[in-house]
Protein backbone atom coordinates (compact mmCIF):
# COMPACT_ATOMS: atom_id res chain seq x y z
CA MET A 1 2.21 20.37 12.64
CA ARG A 2 1.14 23.68 14.14
CA VAL A 3 -0.58 26.29 11.96
CA GLY A 4 -1.27 29.45 13.87
CA SER A 5 -3.57 28.62 16.73
CA THR A 6 -4.27 25.17 15.33
CA VAL A 7 -2.66 21.78 15.04
CA ARG A 8 -2.99 19.75 11.77
CA LYS A 9 -2.75 15.99 11.92
CA PRO A 10 -3.50 13.14 9.46
CA TRP A 11 -7.16 12.14 9.13
CA THR A 12 -7.60 8.51 10.02
CA PRO A 13 -10.67 6.19 9.74
CA GLY A 14 -11.42 6.87 13.43
CA SER A 15 -10.80 10.65 13.35
CA ALA A 16 -14.56 11.65 12.95
CA SER A 17 -15.53 9.50 15.93
CA VAL A 18 -12.63 10.80 18.02
CA GLN A 19 -13.59 14.33 17.28
CA ALA A 20 -17.16 13.69 18.17
CA TYR A 21 -16.03 12.07 21.44
CA VAL A 22 -13.89 15.00 22.40
CA ALA A 23 -16.58 17.48 21.46
CA GLU A 24 -19.08 15.64 23.79
CA LEU A 25 -16.45 15.63 26.64
CA ARG A 26 -16.07 19.37 26.18
CA ALA A 27 -19.90 19.78 26.28
CA ARG A 28 -19.84 17.81 29.59
CA GLY A 29 -17.25 20.12 31.20
CA VAL A 30 -13.97 18.46 30.32
CA ASP A 31 -11.32 20.77 29.03
CA ALA A 32 -9.74 19.23 25.85
CA PRO A 33 -8.40 20.66 22.50
CA GLU A 34 -11.37 21.90 20.53
CA PRO A 35 -11.94 19.69 17.40
CA LEU A 36 -12.37 21.85 14.35
CA GLY A 37 -13.04 19.45 11.49
CA ARG A 38 -10.87 19.08 8.45
CA ASP A 39 -8.81 21.44 6.34
CA GLU A 40 -8.56 21.79 2.57
CA ARG A 41 -5.85 19.05 2.54
CA GLY A 42 -8.02 16.62 4.43
CA ARG A 43 -6.19 16.88 7.73
CA GLN A 44 -7.63 17.09 11.14
CA ILE A 45 -7.81 20.67 12.62
CA LEU A 46 -7.41 20.94 16.34
CA GLU A 47 -7.06 23.78 18.72
CA TYR A 48 -3.46 24.39 19.76
CA VAL A 49 -3.08 24.50 23.56
CA ASP A 50 0.07 26.40 24.70
CA GLY A 51 2.37 25.25 27.49
CA PRO A 52 5.06 22.85 28.47
CA LEU A 53 4.45 19.15 28.75
CA ALA A 54 4.22 17.47 32.11
CA GLN A 55 7.04 15.07 30.96
CA ASP A 56 9.47 18.05 31.13
CA ARG A 57 8.49 18.66 34.88
CA VAL A 58 8.34 15.20 36.32
CA PRO A 59 8.25 14.14 38.97
CA LEU A 60 5.12 16.21 39.82
CA GLY A 61 4.55 17.10 43.48
CA ASP A 62 1.75 15.57 45.54
CA THR A 63 -0.63 18.52 45.03
CA GLU A 64 -0.03 18.38 41.32
CA LEU A 65 -0.58 14.64 41.15
CA ARG A 66 -3.92 15.04 43.03
CA ARG A 67 -4.93 17.54 40.41
CA VAL A 68 -4.07 15.29 37.56
CA GLY A 69 -5.77 12.37 39.26
CA ALA A 70 -8.90 14.49 39.50
CA MET A 71 -8.59 15.31 35.83
CA VAL A 72 -8.62 11.61 34.92
CA ARG A 73 -11.60 11.02 37.11
CA ALA A 74 -13.52 13.85 35.34
CA ILE A 75 -12.65 12.34 31.96
CA HIS A 76 -14.01 8.95 32.99
CA ASP A 77 -17.08 10.29 34.63
CA ALA A 78 -17.91 12.46 31.55
CA SER A 79 -17.50 9.37 29.31
CA GLU A 80 -20.06 7.41 31.18
CA GLY A 81 -22.94 6.40 28.94
CA LEU A 82 -21.39 7.55 25.62
CA PRO A 83 -21.73 4.92 22.83
CA ILE A 84 -18.63 3.31 21.57
CA PRO A 85 -18.42 3.74 17.83
CA ASP A 86 -17.51 0.78 15.65
CA ALA A 87 -14.69 2.90 14.15
CA LEU A 88 -12.90 2.89 17.48
CA THR A 89 -13.29 -0.75 18.37
CA ALA A 90 -10.81 -2.17 15.85
CA GLY A 91 -7.07 -1.90 16.16
CA MET A 92 -6.87 -1.27 19.87
CA LEU A 93 -3.17 -1.61 20.68
CA LEU A 94 -3.74 -2.96 24.22
CA PRO A 95 -7.32 -4.10 24.51
CA THR A 96 -8.78 -5.36 27.81
CA GLU A 97 -11.62 -7.65 28.70
CA GLY A 98 -15.01 -6.18 29.40
CA ALA A 99 -14.35 -2.75 27.73
CA ASP A 100 -17.30 -0.63 28.61
CA LEU A 101 -16.10 2.96 28.48
CA LEU A 102 -14.64 5.23 25.96
CA CYS A 103 -11.16 6.19 27.19
CA HIS A 104 -8.23 8.31 26.04
CA ASN A 105 -5.82 5.29 26.47
CA ASP A 106 -2.62 7.30 26.69
CA LEU A 107 -3.12 9.59 29.68
CA ALA A 108 0.49 10.13 30.51
CA PRO A 109 3.01 13.03 31.17
CA TRP A 110 3.94 13.27 27.36
CA ASN A 111 0.24 14.09 26.61
CA LEU A 112 -0.51 16.60 29.39
CA VAL A 113 0.00 20.35 28.78
CA LEU A 114 0.67 22.43 31.88
CA GLY A 115 -0.01 25.97 30.79
CA GLU A 116 -2.58 28.35 31.89
CA ARG A 117 -4.94 25.48 31.23
CA TRP A 118 -4.05 21.86 32.17
CA VAL A 119 -5.18 19.85 29.21
CA PHE A 120 -4.72 16.36 27.88
CA ILE A 121 -3.83 16.27 24.20
CA ASP A 122 -3.47 13.60 21.50
CA TRP A 123 -6.81 11.83 21.70
CA ASP A 124 -6.14 9.77 18.52
CA GLY A 125 -5.88 6.48 20.45
CA ALA A 126 -9.26 6.93 22.15
CA GLY A 127 -11.37 3.78 22.16
CA PRO A 128 -13.08 1.23 24.32
CA SER A 129 -11.42 0.33 27.61
CA THR A 130 -12.37 0.24 31.35
CA ARG A 131 -11.82 2.65 34.24
CA LEU A 132 -9.30 0.19 35.83
CA TRP A 133 -7.17 -0.33 32.65
CA ASP A 134 -7.05 3.42 31.77
CA LEU A 135 -6.26 4.34 35.37
CA ALA A 136 -3.66 1.68 35.80
CA TYR A 137 -1.62 3.11 32.88
CA ALA A 138 -2.07 6.72 34.07
CA ALA A 139 -1.22 5.98 37.62
CA GLN A 140 1.94 4.06 36.72
CA ALA A 141 3.04 6.80 34.35
CA PHE A 142 2.41 9.82 36.55
CA ALA A 143 3.48 8.29 39.83
CA MET A 144 6.81 7.31 37.94
CA LEU A 145 6.68 3.65 38.89
CA VAL A 146 9.81 2.92 36.91
CA GLY A 147 13.06 1.12 37.46
CA GLY A 148 15.49 2.91 39.80
CA GLU A 149 12.84 5.01 41.66
CA PRO A 150 12.91 4.65 45.46
CA VAL A 151 9.94 2.58 46.21
CA GLU A 152 8.66 4.61 49.19
CA THR A 153 8.84 7.76 47.08
CA ALA A 154 6.99 6.20 44.22
CA ALA A 155 4.33 4.78 46.58
CA ARG A 156 3.79 8.25 48.05
CA ARG A 157 3.25 9.70 44.57
CA LEU A 158 0.85 6.91 43.68
CA ARG A 159 -1.14 7.51 46.87
CA ALA A 160 -1.50 11.27 45.85
CA PHE A 161 -2.58 10.48 42.34
CA VAL A 162 -5.13 7.80 43.32
CA GLY A 163 -6.43 10.06 46.10
CA GLY A 164 -6.94 12.78 43.59
CA TYR A 165 -8.93 10.34 41.47
CA ASP A 166 -11.03 9.49 44.57
CA ALA A 167 -10.83 5.83 43.70
CA ASP A 168 -13.18 3.58 45.64
CA LEU A 169 -12.03 0.57 47.48
CA ARG A 170 -12.74 -1.77 44.66
CA LEU A 171 -10.58 0.09 42.24
CA ARG A 172 -7.85 0.57 44.85
CA GLU A 173 -7.70 -3.13 45.60
CA ALA A 174 -7.53 -4.05 41.93
CA LEU A 175 -5.14 -1.39 40.82
CA PRO A 176 -1.72 -2.88 41.78
CA ALA A 177 -2.20 -6.08 39.78
CA ALA A 178 -3.74 -4.08 36.91
CA MET A 179 -0.64 -1.84 36.83
CA ALA A 180 1.53 -4.85 36.64
CA LYS A 181 -0.48 -6.36 33.87
CA ARG A 182 -0.75 -3.05 31.98
CA THR A 183 2.91 -2.34 32.15
CA ALA A 184 3.89 -5.86 31.11
CA ALA A 185 1.53 -5.46 28.20
CA MET A 186 3.25 -2.35 27.04
CA PHE A 187 6.59 -4.12 27.05
CA GLU A 188 5.25 -7.06 25.17
CA LEU A 189 3.85 -4.80 22.47
CA LEU A 190 7.25 -3.25 21.94
CA ARG A 191 9.02 -6.57 22.12
CA SER A 192 6.71 -8.45 19.70
CA SER A 193 6.78 -5.45 17.30
CA SER A 194 10.61 -5.53 17.18
CA GLU A 195 10.36 -9.16 15.90
CA THR A 196 7.79 -8.42 13.31
CA GLY A 197 9.18 -5.02 12.34
CA THR A 198 5.92 -3.25 13.03
CA ALA A 199 6.30 0.57 13.01
CA PRO A 200 6.64 2.69 15.06
CA TRP A 201 6.98 0.22 17.87
CA ALA A 202 9.94 -1.74 16.47
CA GLU A 203 12.12 1.40 16.25
CA MET A 204 10.93 2.58 19.76
CA TYR A 205 11.97 -0.83 21.10
CA ARG A 206 15.48 -0.52 19.63
CA SER A 207 15.83 3.10 20.65
CA GLY A 208 15.57 2.48 24.39
CA HIS A 209 11.75 2.28 25.03
CA GLY A 210 12.03 -1.50 25.17
CA GLU A 211 14.53 -1.53 27.97
CA HIS A 212 12.62 1.23 29.81
CA TRP A 213 9.34 -0.76 29.76
CA ARG A 214 11.08 -3.98 30.56
CA ALA A 215 12.62 -2.49 33.67
CA ALA A 216 9.21 -0.76 34.54
CA ALA A 217 7.33 -4.01 34.20
CA GLU A 218 9.73 -5.81 36.50
CA TYR A 219 9.73 -2.88 39.06
CA VAL A 220 5.87 -2.66 39.18
CA ALA A 221 5.43 -6.47 39.57
CA GLU A 222 8.15 -6.78 42.14
CA ASN A 223 6.74 -4.03 44.38
CA GLU A 224 3.01 -4.85 44.05
CA ALA A 225 2.66 -5.26 47.83
CA ALA A 226 3.95 -1.69 48.32
CA TRP A 227 1.57 -0.24 45.85
CA ALA A 228 -1.25 -2.08 47.52
CA ARG A 229 -0.35 -0.70 50.94
CA ALA A 230 -0.03 2.74 49.48
CA VAL A 231 -3.51 2.93 47.83
CA THR A 232 -5.52 0.91 50.38
CA GLU A 233 -4.22 2.29 53.59
CA ALA A 234 -4.78 5.89 52.53
CA PRO A 235 -8.43 6.95 52.74
CA ALA A 236 -10.11 8.17 49.60
CA ALA A 237 -10.37 12.02 49.25
CA HIS A 238 -14.16 11.83 50.08
CA GLY A 239 -14.61 8.18 50.49
CA THR A 240 -18.15 8.03 49.08
CA ARG A 241 -17.86 7.24 45.38
CA ARG A 242 -18.60 3.64 44.38
CA ARG A 243 -17.39 3.20 40.79
């Protein structure tokens, strides 16, 4: 809930580590909501960042997508070398092999404020991942690779986003398959949760998220060749980074 110029959220076992991570990112030049400790009721205190969410303005234009891609790159670069606390290694919803980088893990239009400052919010899911896995999720979400979208239009948006990230050839070549795998994993999380009754995913599955992610998973997988052409035929913004 909002309290004046702050947001109050439940304190979880990983909250101290998340706040320390965000504080370090801020010290390294990434704009993120300032962590402000705990209040008298034991809740997290975070800076409130004013502005509409990107999900209310999608699809974003190519220039905007390049800006967001650059923001994701800045977060990943700033996270390099940071230790991964034990408190953030357990309970990862969609873990990936070879996790070697602290990541936000939900860089999507519903977590990006587009006000005077463009800021990613809701860092509570931060934990170990990889550049590729985190980028695959963000690219699929911001480029709107979802069922019903014209493939050529979605591919153009993907090209802009990945260009803004300035992804190297290795990442570009691996990205289409990673997006298919990551989107399918999100659908499977919702589907399996609906069978076990695990909150909040079970209710999300029943309320329409399940069908959305099922269609998205099929769409991303079916058009993998189009995504590969979009991201490998376009030159990187600078073409020199090798991450």
